[in-house]
Every structure is written in structure tokens, then in C-alpha cells.
N, C-alpha and C. Protein backbone atom coordinates (compact mmCIF):
# COMPACT_ATOMS: atom_id res chain seq x y z
N UNK A 1 -7.08 3.86 72.75
CA UNK A 1 -5.95 4.74 73.48
C UNK A 1 -5.25 4.14 74.60
N UNK A 2 -4.02 3.73 74.71
CA UNK A 2 -3.38 3.17 75.90
C UNK A 2 -2.89 4.20 76.66
N UNK A 3 -3.43 3.87 78.27
CA UNK A 3 -2.98 4.59 79.12
C UNK A 3 -1.81 3.96 79.74
N UNK A 4 -0.66 4.80 80.06
CA UNK A 4 0.34 4.36 80.86
C UNK A 4 0.28 4.49 82.21
N UNK A 5 0.73 3.85 83.09
CA UNK A 5 0.40 4.04 84.61
C UNK A 5 0.70 5.11 85.08
N UNK A 6 1.38 6.07 84.49
CA UNK A 6 1.63 7.41 85.01
C UNK A 6 0.42 8.37 84.76
N UNK A 7 -0.14 8.08 83.47
CA UNK A 7 -1.41 8.73 83.07
C UNK A 7 -2.36 8.29 83.84
N UNK A 8 -2.54 7.05 84.17
CA UNK A 8 -3.87 6.68 84.97
C UNK A 8 -3.51 7.24 86.55
N UNK A 9 -2.39 7.09 86.95
CA UNK A 9 -2.36 7.74 88.50
C UNK A 9 -2.85 9.05 88.52
N UNK A 10 -2.28 9.89 87.40
CA UNK A 10 -2.57 11.49 87.35
C UNK A 10 -4.17 11.14 87.23
N UNK A 11 -4.77 10.39 86.51
CA UNK A 11 -6.19 10.91 85.89
C UNK A 11 -6.95 10.52 87.30
N UNK A 12 -6.50 9.26 87.83
CA UNK A 12 -7.13 8.62 89.30
C UNK A 12 -7.09 9.88 90.35
N UNK A 13 -5.79 10.54 90.47
CA UNK A 13 -5.74 11.48 91.57
C UNK A 13 -6.48 12.92 91.24
N UNK A 14 -6.84 13.04 89.82
CA UNK A 14 -7.23 14.58 89.84
C UNK A 14 -8.75 14.19 89.96
N UNK A 15 -9.31 12.78 89.86
CA UNK A 15 -10.79 12.83 89.87
C UNK A 15 -11.00 13.09 91.57
N UNK A 16 -10.12 12.57 92.56
CA UNK A 16 -10.46 12.70 94.05
C UNK A 16 -10.16 14.09 94.25
N UNK A 17 -9.34 15.13 93.55
CA UNK A 17 -8.94 16.27 93.88
C UNK A 17 -9.96 17.09 93.30
N UNK A 18 -10.86 16.77 92.38
CA UNK A 18 -11.99 17.48 91.91
C UNK A 18 -12.86 18.08 93.05
N UNK A 19 -13.56 17.55 93.77
CA UNK A 19 -14.52 17.84 94.81
C UNK A 19 -13.88 19.04 95.98
N UNK A 20 -12.56 18.63 96.08
CA UNK A 20 -11.96 19.81 96.85
C UNK A 20 -11.92 21.30 96.19
N UNK A 21 -11.38 20.91 94.92
CA UNK A 21 -11.16 22.12 94.09
C UNK A 21 -12.77 23.06 93.87
N UNK A 22 -13.44 22.03 93.27
CA UNK A 22 -15.01 22.69 93.41
C UNK A 22 -15.37 23.49 94.51
N UNK A 23 -15.17 22.88 95.75
CA UNK A 23 -15.67 23.44 96.78
C UNK A 23 -15.17 25.11 97.18
N UNK A 24 -13.65 25.17 96.32
CA UNK A 24 -13.23 26.36 96.80
C UNK A 24 -13.62 27.24 95.61
N UNK A 25 -14.48 26.97 94.91
CA UNK A 25 -15.15 28.08 93.97
C UNK A 25 -15.97 28.94 94.73
N UNK A 26 -16.01 30.21 94.18
CA UNK A 26 -16.86 31.10 94.98
C UNK A 26 -18.69 30.81 94.71
N UNK A 27 -19.42 31.16 95.58
CA UNK A 27 -20.91 30.93 95.35
C UNK A 27 -21.42 31.39 93.85
N UNK A 28 -20.85 32.73 93.49
CA UNK A 28 -21.34 33.04 92.35
C UNK A 28 -20.34 33.18 91.24
N UNK A 29 -20.87 32.95 90.09
CA UNK A 29 -19.76 33.31 88.77
C UNK A 29 -19.63 34.74 88.80
N UNK A 30 -18.74 35.46 88.88
CA UNK A 30 -18.45 36.72 88.10
C UNK A 30 -17.33 36.68 87.44
N UNK A 31 -17.40 37.64 86.32
CA UNK A 31 -16.25 37.71 85.23
C UNK A 31 -15.77 39.01 85.92
N UNK A 32 -15.80 39.54 87.01
CA UNK A 32 -15.15 40.50 87.54
C UNK A 32 -16.00 41.54 88.55
N UNK A 33 -15.27 42.16 89.26
CA UNK A 33 -16.17 43.10 90.10
C UNK A 33 -17.30 42.81 91.07
N UNK A 34 -17.23 41.33 91.24
CA UNK A 34 -18.40 40.64 92.22
C UNK A 34 -19.88 40.96 91.72
N UNK A 35 -19.95 41.04 90.00
CA UNK A 35 -21.54 41.55 89.82
C UNK A 35 -21.83 40.35 89.05
N UNK A 36 -23.09 39.85 89.31
CA UNK A 36 -23.75 38.78 88.86
C UNK A 36 -23.79 38.74 87.59
N UNK A 37 -24.00 37.69 86.68
CA UNK A 37 -24.59 37.67 85.26
C UNK A 37 -24.04 38.63 84.43
N UNK A 38 -22.70 39.04 84.76
CA UNK A 38 -21.88 40.12 83.73
C UNK A 38 -22.65 41.43 83.79
N UNK A 39 -23.58 41.81 84.91
CA UNK A 39 -24.11 42.99 84.85
C UNK A 39 -25.64 43.08 84.21
N UNK A 40 -26.09 41.61 83.48
CA UNK A 40 -27.37 41.68 82.91
C UNK A 40 -28.44 41.69 83.93
N UNK A 41 -29.72 42.22 83.61
CA UNK A 41 -30.76 42.23 84.46
C UNK A 41 -31.44 40.64 84.52
N UNK A 42 -31.31 40.21 85.40
CA UNK A 42 -31.67 38.69 85.50
C UNK A 42 -33.14 38.70 85.70
N UNK A 43 -33.96 39.70 86.10
CA UNK A 43 -35.41 40.08 86.08
C UNK A 43 -35.82 39.80 84.51
N UNK A 44 -35.09 40.59 83.47
CA UNK A 44 -35.55 40.70 82.24
C UNK A 44 -35.55 39.29 81.59
N UNK A 45 -34.94 38.61 81.82
CA UNK A 45 -34.76 37.27 81.01
C UNK A 45 -36.00 36.78 81.23
N UNK A 46 -36.71 36.86 82.11
CA UNK A 46 -38.08 36.27 82.19
C UNK A 46 -39.52 36.71 80.98
N UNK A 47 -38.76 37.71 80.53
CA UNK A 47 -39.75 38.39 79.59
C UNK A 47 -39.21 38.36 78.09
N UNK A 48 -37.92 38.01 77.97
CA UNK A 48 -37.29 38.10 76.66
C UNK A 48 -37.59 36.86 75.81
N UNK A 49 -37.35 36.95 74.50
CA UNK A 49 -37.64 35.91 73.36
C UNK A 49 -36.53 35.15 73.45
N UNK A 50 -35.57 35.21 72.49
CA UNK A 50 -34.42 34.48 72.30
C UNK A 50 -33.47 35.73 72.11
N UNK A 51 -33.63 36.86 72.55
CA UNK A 51 -32.42 37.98 72.57
C UNK A 51 -31.49 37.59 73.47
N UNK A 52 -30.25 38.45 73.48
CA UNK A 52 -29.24 38.31 74.38
C UNK A 52 -29.85 39.21 75.55
N UNK A 53 -29.07 38.87 76.92
CA UNK A 53 -29.67 39.55 78.07
C UNK A 53 -29.51 41.10 77.93
N UNK A 54 -30.14 41.73 78.75
CA UNK A 54 -30.33 43.21 78.73
C UNK A 54 -29.22 43.57 80.02
N UNK A 55 -28.34 44.58 79.68
CA UNK A 55 -27.24 44.90 80.47
C UNK A 55 -28.35 46.09 81.48
N UNK A 56 -27.81 45.57 82.86
CA UNK A 56 -28.31 46.58 84.11
C UNK A 56 -27.50 47.72 84.11
N UNK A 57 -27.78 48.59 85.52
CA UNK A 57 -27.09 49.76 85.39
C UNK A 57 -26.97 49.59 87.13
N UNK A 58 -26.06 50.52 87.21
CA UNK A 58 -25.22 50.56 89.08
C UNK A 58 -26.32 51.53 89.66
N UNK A 59 -27.17 52.09 89.01
CA UNK A 59 -28.14 53.01 89.63
C UNK A 59 -29.44 51.88 90.14
N UNK A 60 -29.42 50.56 89.47
CA UNK A 60 -30.41 50.02 90.21
C UNK A 60 -29.86 48.69 90.50
N UNK A 61 -29.18 48.88 91.53
CA UNK A 61 -28.41 47.32 92.18
C UNK A 61 -28.80 47.09 93.63
N UNK A 62 -28.56 45.54 93.66
CA UNK A 62 -29.21 44.95 94.84
C UNK A 62 -28.16 44.03 94.97
N UNK A 63 -27.97 43.71 96.40
CA UNK A 63 -27.16 42.63 96.89
C UNK A 63 -27.69 41.45 97.23
N UNK A 64 -27.25 40.37 96.94
CA UNK A 64 -28.15 39.19 97.36
C UNK A 64 -26.97 37.91 97.22
N UNK A 65 -26.71 37.46 98.46
CA UNK A 65 -25.86 36.19 98.99
C UNK A 65 -24.80 36.72 98.47
N UNK A 66 -24.21 38.18 99.00
CA UNK A 66 -22.66 38.38 98.85
C UNK A 66 -22.39 38.71 97.51
N UNK A 67 -23.19 38.98 96.68
CA UNK A 67 -22.87 39.44 95.28
C UNK A 67 -23.76 40.62 94.77
N UNK A 68 -23.28 41.39 94.05
CA UNK A 68 -24.39 42.60 93.13
C UNK A 68 -24.92 42.02 91.81
N UNK A 69 -26.20 42.26 91.96
CA UNK A 69 -27.24 42.19 90.51
C UNK A 69 -27.60 43.70 90.36
N UNK A 70 -27.36 43.88 88.89
CA UNK A 70 -27.81 44.96 88.27
C UNK A 70 -29.16 44.93 87.49
N UNK A 71 -29.85 45.70 87.44
CA UNK A 71 -31.23 45.88 86.74
C UNK A 71 -31.13 47.08 85.66
N UNK A 72 -32.03 46.85 84.88
CA UNK A 72 -32.26 47.90 83.84
C UNK A 72 -33.20 49.27 84.13
N UNK A 73 -34.06 48.89 85.15
CA UNK A 73 -35.06 49.76 85.79
C UNK A 73 -35.36 49.59 87.22
N UNK A 74 -36.44 50.33 87.81
CA UNK A 74 -36.31 50.50 89.14
C UNK A 74 -37.54 49.29 89.18
N UNK A 75 -38.33 49.00 88.25
CA UNK A 75 -39.65 47.82 88.45
C UNK A 75 -38.88 46.55 88.51
N UNK A 76 -37.65 46.20 88.04
CA UNK A 76 -36.97 45.10 87.69
C UNK A 76 -36.36 44.97 89.21
N UNK A 77 -35.67 45.95 89.59
CA UNK A 77 -35.00 45.83 90.81
C UNK A 77 -35.94 45.47 91.92
N UNK A 78 -37.24 46.06 92.05
CA UNK A 78 -38.21 46.00 93.14
C UNK A 78 -38.65 44.32 92.86
N UNK A 79 -38.84 43.93 91.83
CA UNK A 79 -39.27 42.49 91.48
C UNK A 79 -38.54 41.67 92.22
N UNK A 80 -37.06 41.89 91.62
CA UNK A 80 -35.96 40.75 92.33
C UNK A 80 -35.76 41.10 93.85
N UNK A 81 -36.10 42.19 94.41
CA UNK A 81 -35.93 42.37 95.65
C UNK A 81 -37.13 41.67 96.50
N UNK A 82 -38.29 41.48 95.90
CA UNK A 82 -39.36 40.92 96.29
C UNK A 82 -39.30 39.20 96.69
N UNK A 83 -38.16 38.75 95.84
CA UNK A 83 -38.01 37.06 95.78
C UNK A 83 -36.94 37.04 94.79
N UNK A 84 -35.75 37.14 95.34
CA UNK A 84 -34.49 37.11 94.67
C UNK A 84 -34.15 35.80 94.38
N UNK A 85 -34.29 34.79 94.80
CA UNK A 85 -33.96 33.45 94.65
C UNK A 85 -34.95 33.03 93.49
N UNK A 86 -36.05 33.42 93.25
CA UNK A 86 -36.51 33.09 92.00
C UNK A 86 -35.73 33.77 90.86
N UNK A 87 -35.39 34.71 90.89
CA UNK A 87 -34.60 35.24 89.71
C UNK A 87 -33.13 35.21 89.46
N UNK A 88 -32.21 34.97 90.41
CA UNK A 88 -31.05 34.65 90.73
C UNK A 88 -30.87 33.34 89.58
N UNK A 89 -29.86 33.43 88.96
CA UNK A 89 -29.53 31.96 88.06
C UNK A 89 -29.14 31.10 89.05
N UNK A 90 -29.69 30.06 88.58
CA UNK A 90 -29.27 28.59 89.08
C UNK A 90 -27.81 28.44 89.01
N UNK A 91 -27.27 27.63 89.71
CA UNK A 91 -25.89 27.16 90.04
C UNK A 91 -25.14 28.29 90.08
N UNK A 92 -25.43 29.65 90.83
CA UNK A 92 -24.60 30.59 90.90
C UNK A 92 -24.43 31.40 89.55
N UNK A 93 -25.13 31.20 88.67
CA UNK A 93 -24.45 31.79 87.23
C UNK A 93 -23.33 31.08 86.58
N UNK A 94 -22.73 29.80 87.20
CA UNK A 94 -22.00 28.98 86.61
C UNK A 94 -22.89 28.18 85.63
N UNK A 95 -22.10 27.63 84.34
CA UNK A 95 -22.70 26.75 83.22
C UNK A 95 -23.59 25.66 83.84
N UNK A 96 -24.64 25.58 83.40
CA UNK A 96 -25.71 24.62 83.61
C UNK A 96 -24.99 23.27 83.30
N UNK A 97 -24.68 23.21 82.09
CA UNK A 97 -24.28 21.91 81.42
C UNK A 97 -22.87 21.23 82.26
N UNK A 98 -22.11 22.36 82.40
CA UNK A 98 -20.77 21.68 83.26
C UNK A 98 -21.45 21.21 84.74
N UNK A 99 -22.43 21.98 85.22
CA UNK A 99 -22.70 21.37 86.56
C UNK A 99 -23.40 20.05 86.47
N UNK A 100 -24.16 20.03 85.45
CA UNK A 100 -24.83 18.36 85.37
C UNK A 100 -23.67 17.45 85.15
N UNK A 101 -22.48 17.83 84.86
CA UNK A 101 -21.25 16.78 85.03
C UNK A 101 -20.54 16.96 85.96
N UNK A 102 -20.70 18.08 87.11
CA UNK A 102 -20.11 17.86 88.41
C UNK A 102 -19.00 18.90 88.19
N UNK A 103 -18.83 19.74 87.52
CA UNK A 103 -17.62 20.85 87.49
C UNK A 103 -18.27 22.18 87.06
N UNK A 104 -17.26 23.20 87.28
CA UNK A 104 -17.72 24.67 87.21
C UNK A 104 -16.96 24.97 85.98
N UNK A 105 -17.93 25.93 85.37
CA UNK A 105 -17.21 26.42 83.77
C UNK A 105 -18.03 27.94 84.16
N UNK A 106 -17.74 28.96 83.41
CA UNK A 106 -18.31 30.27 83.32
C UNK A 106 -19.55 30.38 82.82
N UNK A 107 -20.54 31.13 83.15
CA UNK A 107 -21.76 31.30 82.62
C UNK A 107 -21.77 32.22 81.86
N UNK A 108 -22.19 32.20 80.31
CA UNK A 108 -22.50 33.45 79.58
C UNK A 108 -23.76 33.75 79.61
N UNK A 109 -23.78 35.30 79.96
CA UNK A 109 -25.26 35.76 80.08
C UNK A 109 -25.99 35.72 79.09
N UNK A 110 -25.19 35.71 77.68
CA UNK A 110 -26.34 35.61 76.60
C UNK A 110 -26.64 34.38 76.23
N UNK A 111 -26.16 33.13 76.69
CA UNK A 111 -26.48 31.89 76.70
C UNK A 111 -27.67 31.27 77.70
N UNK A 112 -28.33 31.60 77.44
CA UNK A 112 -29.52 31.54 79.09
C UNK A 112 -30.77 30.73 78.38
N UNK A 113 -31.28 30.17 79.42
CA UNK A 113 -32.74 29.50 79.34
C UNK A 113 -33.41 29.68 80.43
N UNK A 114 -34.72 30.01 80.24
CA UNK A 114 -35.74 30.14 81.61
C UNK A 114 -36.54 29.00 81.24
N UNK A 115 -36.43 28.15 82.38
CA UNK A 115 -37.22 26.61 82.24
C UNK A 115 -37.93 26.65 83.75
N UNK A 116 -39.33 26.17 83.54
CA UNK A 116 -39.96 25.80 84.75
C UNK A 116 -39.72 27.00 85.83
N UNK A 117 -39.65 28.31 85.18
CA UNK A 117 -39.38 29.45 86.22
C UNK A 117 -38.32 29.51 86.77
N UNK A 118 -37.04 29.17 86.44
CA UNK A 118 -35.65 29.32 86.86
C UNK A 118 -34.81 29.64 85.70
N UNK A 119 -33.68 30.32 85.64
CA UNK A 119 -32.88 31.05 84.91
C UNK A 119 -31.57 29.84 84.86
N UNK A 120 -31.13 29.63 83.87
CA UNK A 120 -30.09 28.86 83.65
C UNK A 120 -29.17 29.47 82.76
N UNK A 121 -27.86 29.47 82.97
CA UNK A 121 -26.73 30.01 82.12
C UNK A 121 -25.90 28.72 81.80
N UNK A 122 -25.36 28.91 80.26
CA UNK A 122 -24.44 27.99 79.58
C UNK A 122 -23.02 29.01 79.33
N UNK A 123 -22.13 28.19 79.01
CA UNK A 123 -20.72 28.61 78.68
C UNK A 123 -20.96 29.23 77.31
N UNK A 124 -21.90 28.61 76.56
CA UNK A 124 -21.89 29.25 74.98
C UNK A 124 -23.36 28.79 74.41
N UNK A 125 -23.70 29.50 73.34
CA UNK A 125 -25.23 29.13 73.10
C UNK A 125 -24.91 27.47 72.33
N UNK A 126 -23.89 27.10 71.78
CA UNK A 126 -23.67 25.68 71.24
C UNK A 126 -23.78 24.88 72.55
N UNK A 127 -23.35 24.98 73.63
CA UNK A 127 -23.25 24.17 75.07
C UNK A 127 -25.01 24.30 75.25
N UNK A 128 -25.61 25.22 75.35
CA UNK A 128 -26.89 25.66 75.86
C UNK A 128 -27.94 24.84 74.90
N UNK A 129 -27.49 24.42 73.55
CA UNK A 129 -28.29 23.61 72.81
C UNK A 129 -28.31 22.09 73.33
N UNK A 130 -26.82 21.82 73.37
CA UNK A 130 -26.54 20.42 73.80
C UNK A 130 -27.29 20.19 75.26
N UNK A 131 -27.16 20.95 76.06
CA UNK A 131 -27.80 20.71 77.36
C UNK A 131 -29.27 20.61 77.44
N UNK A 132 -29.98 21.37 76.39
CA UNK A 132 -31.24 21.22 76.20
C UNK A 132 -31.81 20.09 75.61
N UNK A 133 -30.95 19.46 74.96
CA UNK A 133 -31.23 18.14 74.39
C UNK A 133 -31.75 17.23 75.68
N UNK A 134 -31.19 17.47 76.69
CA UNK A 134 -31.47 16.21 77.89
C UNK A 134 -31.68 17.59 79.17
N UNK A 135 -32.67 18.19 79.06
CA UNK A 135 -32.73 19.46 80.03
C UNK A 135 -33.16 18.72 81.20
N UNK A 136 -34.16 17.95 81.48
CA UNK A 136 -34.60 17.64 82.58
C UNK A 136 -33.48 16.81 83.39
N UNK A 137 -32.97 15.74 82.64
CA UNK A 137 -31.92 14.68 83.24
C UNK A 137 -30.77 16.04 83.72
N UNK A 138 -30.42 16.77 82.73
CA UNK A 138 -29.43 17.80 83.01
C UNK A 138 -29.59 18.48 84.49
N UNK A 139 -30.84 19.05 84.49
CA UNK A 139 -31.16 19.84 85.59
C UNK A 139 -31.05 18.99 86.91
N UNK A 140 -31.64 17.77 86.86
CA UNK A 140 -31.74 16.72 88.16
C UNK A 140 -29.96 16.50 88.39
N UNK A 141 -29.29 16.22 87.48
CA UNK A 141 -27.84 15.94 87.81
C UNK A 141 -27.39 17.29 88.27
N UNK A 142 -27.56 18.57 87.78
CA UNK A 142 -26.73 19.85 88.25
C UNK A 142 -27.40 20.02 89.50
N UNK A 143 -28.59 19.66 89.78
CA UNK A 143 -29.12 20.09 91.19
C UNK A 143 -28.38 18.97 92.12
N UNK A 144 -27.99 17.88 92.06
CA UNK A 144 -27.44 17.20 92.88
C UNK A 144 -26.00 17.54 93.33
N UNK A 145 -25.42 18.03 91.93
CA UNK A 145 -23.99 18.13 92.25
C UNK A 145 -24.00 19.71 92.94
N UNK A 146 -24.75 20.74 92.58
CA UNK A 146 -24.73 21.94 93.27
C UNK A 146 -24.74 21.71 94.79
N UNK A 147 -25.83 20.98 95.03
CA UNK A 147 -26.25 20.86 96.75
C UNK A 147 -25.09 20.04 97.34
N UNK A 148 -24.40 19.48 96.46
CA UNK A 148 -23.23 18.71 96.99
C UNK A 148 -22.03 19.75 97.18
N UNK A 149 -21.94 20.74 96.35
CA UNK A 149 -20.94 21.77 96.52
C UNK A 149 -21.18 22.93 97.50
N UNK A 150 -22.57 23.10 97.45
CA UNK A 150 -23.32 24.05 98.64
C UNK A 150 -24.47 23.59 98.98
N UNK A 151 -24.27 22.63 100.27
CA UNK A 151 -25.44 22.21 100.74
C UNK A 151 -26.61 23.16 101.11
N UNK A 152 -27.65 22.75 100.98
CA UNK A 152 -28.95 23.59 101.39
C UNK A 152 -29.24 24.59 100.24
N UNK A 153 -28.47 24.96 99.22
CA UNK A 153 -28.36 25.88 98.09
C UNK A 153 -29.05 25.27 97.03
N UNK A 154 -29.93 25.96 96.17
CA UNK A 154 -30.02 25.60 94.95
C UNK A 154 -30.38 26.99 93.94
């Protein structure tokens, strides 16, 4: 593929604009109403097999770092409140594969992985499988990018 001067200039300018755009993204991915993981119970993921996420209820809600988390029962709510950073999805619930490449994409709460005690969401189950092929390297890269966007956070 031959790149015109105009295309090259656009791509070069876009690559420099990406960090500024990324920093304007909110800390948590939310499909609406400022609810993390689209209302899925993030504690439940740690006991699921390959099933889709468990829907939480506004009856069992907690706020953490500016967003709401819903839980399916009082026990999971209490577990989360005792150590929310353990159960909250990494990268603010954004796609872990995208973060490993340095950009933001929505996280699908049904395309999830718990690895080494941390919850990761991906944009789809297909991308989750691709992310898993190089999971350790992708997590390391994602951690670096996330820390660049939100210093001191993981």
C-alpha cells in the first residue's frame, strides 16, 4: 500500500493526538447510567466457570472511585466493600486487549477472564481468545498503558 503525503501526515498527527484523547476517557467504562460492568456482579466472576456474568441489583449497590457497582446478593456486596480494588475490573472495565495496545475500547461483561486474582473484560469473546494467546505480555503492556493514562492506578 502506497501512502500519500496527506495520509502520512494524518496518521502521524493522529498518533500524537491519541494520548490526549485517551486521557479524556472516564476512569470507568460504563454503557450508561455510570454503572460498572453493565450492572454485572463483579464478585460473582471469581466463582463462575465459563458462564456469562451475573446481573446485579440496585438493591445491593456500592460506589467505588466514582461509579456504581451492582451485586446479586448482600454477601457479594460485603465482599466487595471489604476490598473493592481486588474485585473491580482492571483497566476500569475497558477492553484488556485494547489497553494492551494503548487505546480504549468498551469492555463486554460477558467476555471476561479472572487471571491471577484480577478481573479483565474484553470487547468480545473472540478478542478475549486472542488476548489470552499472549496473556502475560498483554497484561504487562496494558498495565503500562493504564498507568500512563491514570498514574498510580491499576
